[in-house]
Amino acid sequence: MSKPNLRPKTASEGMVLTNGETFSDVGGTIYLGVNDSPDNWYEITAEEAEKRQAELLPEEPIE
């Protein structure tokens, strides 16, 4: 039984990797699956990642 071919991609110091929906830790590593391309991932600053993640969260209903 062979193991899947996971390919690591590591963010530069102080940067976050994202594909627009998923985010690595600052300076973190993501592992590309068989059907994923490194071209789908790009680096942004930690501040930009925080802002984008907040935009992706659904707004809380007003009670």
N, C-alpha and C. Protein backbone atom coordinates (compact mmCIF):
# COMPACT_ATOMS: atom_id res chain seq x y z
N MET A 1 0.85 -1.17 0.00
CA MET A 1 0.00 0.00 0.00
C MET A 1 0.89 1.23 0.00
N SER A 2 0.72 2.08 -0.99
CA SER A 2 1.58 3.26 -1.08
C SER A 2 0.93 4.45 -0.38
N LYS A 3 1.77 5.36 0.10
CA LYS A 3 1.29 6.57 0.76
C LYS A 3 0.99 7.62 -0.29
N PRO A 4 0.00 8.50 -0.01
CA PRO A 4 -0.27 9.58 -0.96
C PRO A 4 0.95 10.48 -1.11
N ASN A 5 1.10 11.05 -2.26
CA ASN A 5 2.23 11.93 -2.54
C ASN A 5 1.88 13.35 -2.11
N LEU A 6 2.14 13.68 -0.85
CA LEU A 6 1.87 15.02 -0.33
C LEU A 6 3.12 15.87 -0.52
N ARG A 7 2.92 17.05 -1.05
CA ARG A 7 4.04 17.95 -1.30
C ARG A 7 3.93 19.16 -0.40
N PRO A 8 4.94 19.45 0.44
CA PRO A 8 4.87 20.59 1.34
C PRO A 8 5.18 21.91 0.62
N LYS A 9 4.54 22.97 1.10
CA LYS A 9 4.83 24.33 0.64
C LYS A 9 4.82 25.18 1.91
N THR A 10 5.91 25.90 2.15
CA THR A 10 6.07 26.67 3.38
C THR A 10 6.07 28.15 3.09
N ALA A 11 5.34 28.90 3.91
CA ALA A 11 5.27 30.35 3.79
C ALA A 11 6.57 30.98 4.26
N SER A 12 6.88 32.12 3.69
CA SER A 12 8.05 32.89 4.13
C SER A 12 7.79 33.41 5.55
N GLU A 13 8.85 33.82 6.21
CA GLU A 13 8.73 34.34 7.57
C GLU A 13 7.77 35.53 7.59
N GLY A 14 6.80 35.49 8.51
CA GLY A 14 5.83 36.57 8.65
C GLY A 14 4.70 36.54 7.65
N MET A 15 4.68 35.54 6.77
CA MET A 15 3.66 35.45 5.73
C MET A 15 2.73 34.26 5.98
N VAL A 16 1.59 34.28 5.31
CA VAL A 16 0.58 33.22 5.41
C VAL A 16 0.29 32.73 4.00
N LEU A 17 0.17 31.42 3.85
CA LEU A 17 -0.23 30.85 2.57
C LEU A 17 -1.76 30.73 2.54
N THR A 18 -2.35 31.05 1.39
CA THR A 18 -3.79 30.92 1.25
C THR A 18 -4.15 30.54 -0.18
N ASN A 19 -5.29 29.91 -0.30
CA ASN A 19 -5.87 29.66 -1.62
C ASN A 19 -7.15 30.48 -1.77
N GLY A 20 -7.36 31.40 -0.85
CA GLY A 20 -8.54 32.25 -0.84
C GLY A 20 -9.62 31.79 0.13
N GLU A 21 -9.53 30.53 0.55
CA GLU A 21 -10.51 29.98 1.48
C GLU A 21 -9.87 29.38 2.72
N THR A 22 -8.69 28.83 2.55
CA THR A 22 -7.97 28.18 3.63
C THR A 22 -6.67 28.95 3.87
N PHE A 23 -6.25 29.01 5.14
CA PHE A 23 -5.08 29.80 5.49
C PHE A 23 -4.14 28.96 6.35
N SER A 24 -2.83 29.09 6.10
CA SER A 24 -1.83 28.44 6.95
C SER A 24 -1.60 29.31 8.18
N ASP A 25 -0.83 28.80 9.11
CA ASP A 25 -0.35 29.63 10.19
C ASP A 25 0.70 30.57 9.63
N VAL A 26 1.04 31.61 10.39
CA VAL A 26 2.11 32.52 9.97
C VAL A 26 3.40 31.72 9.87
N GLY A 27 4.04 31.76 8.70
CA GLY A 27 5.26 31.00 8.47
C GLY A 27 5.02 29.50 8.40
N GLY A 28 3.76 29.11 8.29
CA GLY A 28 3.39 27.69 8.34
C GLY A 28 3.57 26.95 7.03
N THR A 29 3.28 25.68 7.09
CA THR A 29 3.41 24.78 5.95
C THR A 29 2.05 24.19 5.62
N ILE A 30 1.76 24.11 4.33
CA ILE A 30 0.59 23.37 3.87
C ILE A 30 1.11 22.19 3.06
N TYR A 31 0.28 21.18 2.94
CA TYR A 31 0.66 19.99 2.18
C TYR A 31 -0.30 19.84 1.01
N LEU A 32 0.24 19.92 -0.18
CA LEU A 32 -0.56 19.82 -1.39
C LEU A 32 -0.92 18.37 -1.66
N GLY A 33 -2.19 18.13 -1.89
CA GLY A 33 -2.64 16.79 -2.23
C GLY A 33 -2.38 16.50 -3.71
N VAL A 34 -2.74 15.33 -4.12
CA VAL A 34 -2.50 14.87 -5.48
C VAL A 34 -3.13 15.79 -6.51
N ASN A 35 -4.33 16.27 -6.26
CA ASN A 35 -5.05 17.09 -7.23
C ASN A 35 -4.91 18.59 -7.00
N ASP A 36 -4.01 19.00 -6.12
CA ASP A 36 -3.81 20.43 -5.84
C ASP A 36 -2.55 20.90 -6.53
N SER A 37 -2.54 22.16 -6.92
CA SER A 37 -1.39 22.74 -7.62
C SER A 37 -0.79 23.85 -6.77
N PRO A 38 0.52 23.97 -6.76
CA PRO A 38 1.16 25.08 -6.04
C PRO A 38 0.68 26.43 -6.54
N ASP A 39 0.23 26.48 -7.79
CA ASP A 39 -0.27 27.73 -8.36
C ASP A 39 -1.56 28.20 -7.70
N ASN A 40 -2.25 27.31 -6.99
CA ASN A 40 -3.48 27.68 -6.30
C ASN A 40 -3.21 28.44 -5.00
N TRP A 41 -1.98 28.44 -4.55
CA TRP A 41 -1.61 29.02 -3.26
C TRP A 41 -0.70 30.22 -3.44
N TYR A 42 -0.89 31.24 -2.61
CA TYR A 42 -0.06 32.44 -2.68
C TYR A 42 0.12 33.00 -1.27
N GLU A 43 1.13 33.84 -1.12
CA GLU A 43 1.45 34.42 0.18
C GLU A 43 0.79 35.78 0.35
N ILE A 44 0.32 36.02 1.58
CA ILE A 44 -0.17 37.33 1.98
C ILE A 44 0.38 37.61 3.37
N THR A 45 0.31 38.86 3.80
CA THR A 45 0.80 39.20 5.14
C THR A 45 -0.15 38.64 6.19
N ALA A 46 0.34 38.51 7.40
CA ALA A 46 -0.48 38.02 8.50
C ALA A 46 -1.67 38.95 8.73
N GLU A 47 -1.45 40.25 8.59
CA GLU A 47 -2.52 41.23 8.78
C GLU A 47 -3.62 41.06 7.72
N GLU A 48 -3.20 40.85 6.47
CA GLU A 48 -4.16 40.64 5.39
C GLU A 48 -4.93 39.34 5.61
N ALA A 49 -4.25 38.30 6.08
CA ALA A 49 -4.92 37.02 6.35
C ALA A 49 -5.98 37.19 7.42
N GLU A 50 -5.66 37.93 8.46
CA GLU A 50 -6.61 38.17 9.55
C GLU A 50 -7.86 38.91 9.02
N LYS A 51 -7.63 39.91 8.18
CA LYS A 51 -8.72 40.68 7.59
C LYS A 51 -9.59 39.78 6.71
N ARG A 52 -8.97 38.98 5.86
CA ARG A 52 -9.74 38.12 4.95
C ARG A 52 -10.51 37.05 5.70
N GLN A 53 -9.91 36.50 6.77
CA GLN A 53 -10.60 35.48 7.55
C GLN A 53 -11.83 36.08 8.23
N ALA A 54 -11.73 37.31 8.71
CA ALA A 54 -12.87 37.98 9.33
C ALA A 54 -13.98 38.19 8.32
N GLU A 55 -13.62 38.50 7.07
CA GLU A 55 -14.62 38.70 6.02
C GLU A 55 -15.34 37.41 5.66
N LEU A 56 -14.67 36.27 5.83
CA LEU A 56 -15.26 34.98 5.49
C LEU A 56 -16.23 34.47 6.56
N LEU A 57 -16.11 34.98 7.79
CA LEU A 57 -16.98 34.55 8.88
C LEU A 57 -18.37 35.12 8.68
N PRO A 58 -19.40 34.32 8.90
CA PRO A 58 -20.76 34.86 8.76
C PRO A 58 -21.03 35.87 9.87
N GLU A 59 -21.81 36.88 9.54
CA GLU A 59 -22.16 37.89 10.52
C GLU A 59 -23.11 37.26 11.54
N GLU A 60 -22.96 37.67 12.79
CA GLU A 60 -23.84 37.16 13.84
C GLU A 60 -25.19 37.86 13.73
N PRO A 61 -26.27 37.12 13.93
CA PRO A 61 -27.59 37.75 13.85
C PRO A 61 -27.80 38.73 15.00
N ILE A 62 -28.54 39.77 14.73
CA ILE A 62 -28.87 40.76 15.76
C ILE A 62 -30.09 40.29 16.50
N GLU A 63 -30.01 40.28 17.83
CA GLU A 63 -31.15 39.81 18.63
C GLU A 63 -31.92 40.96 19.19
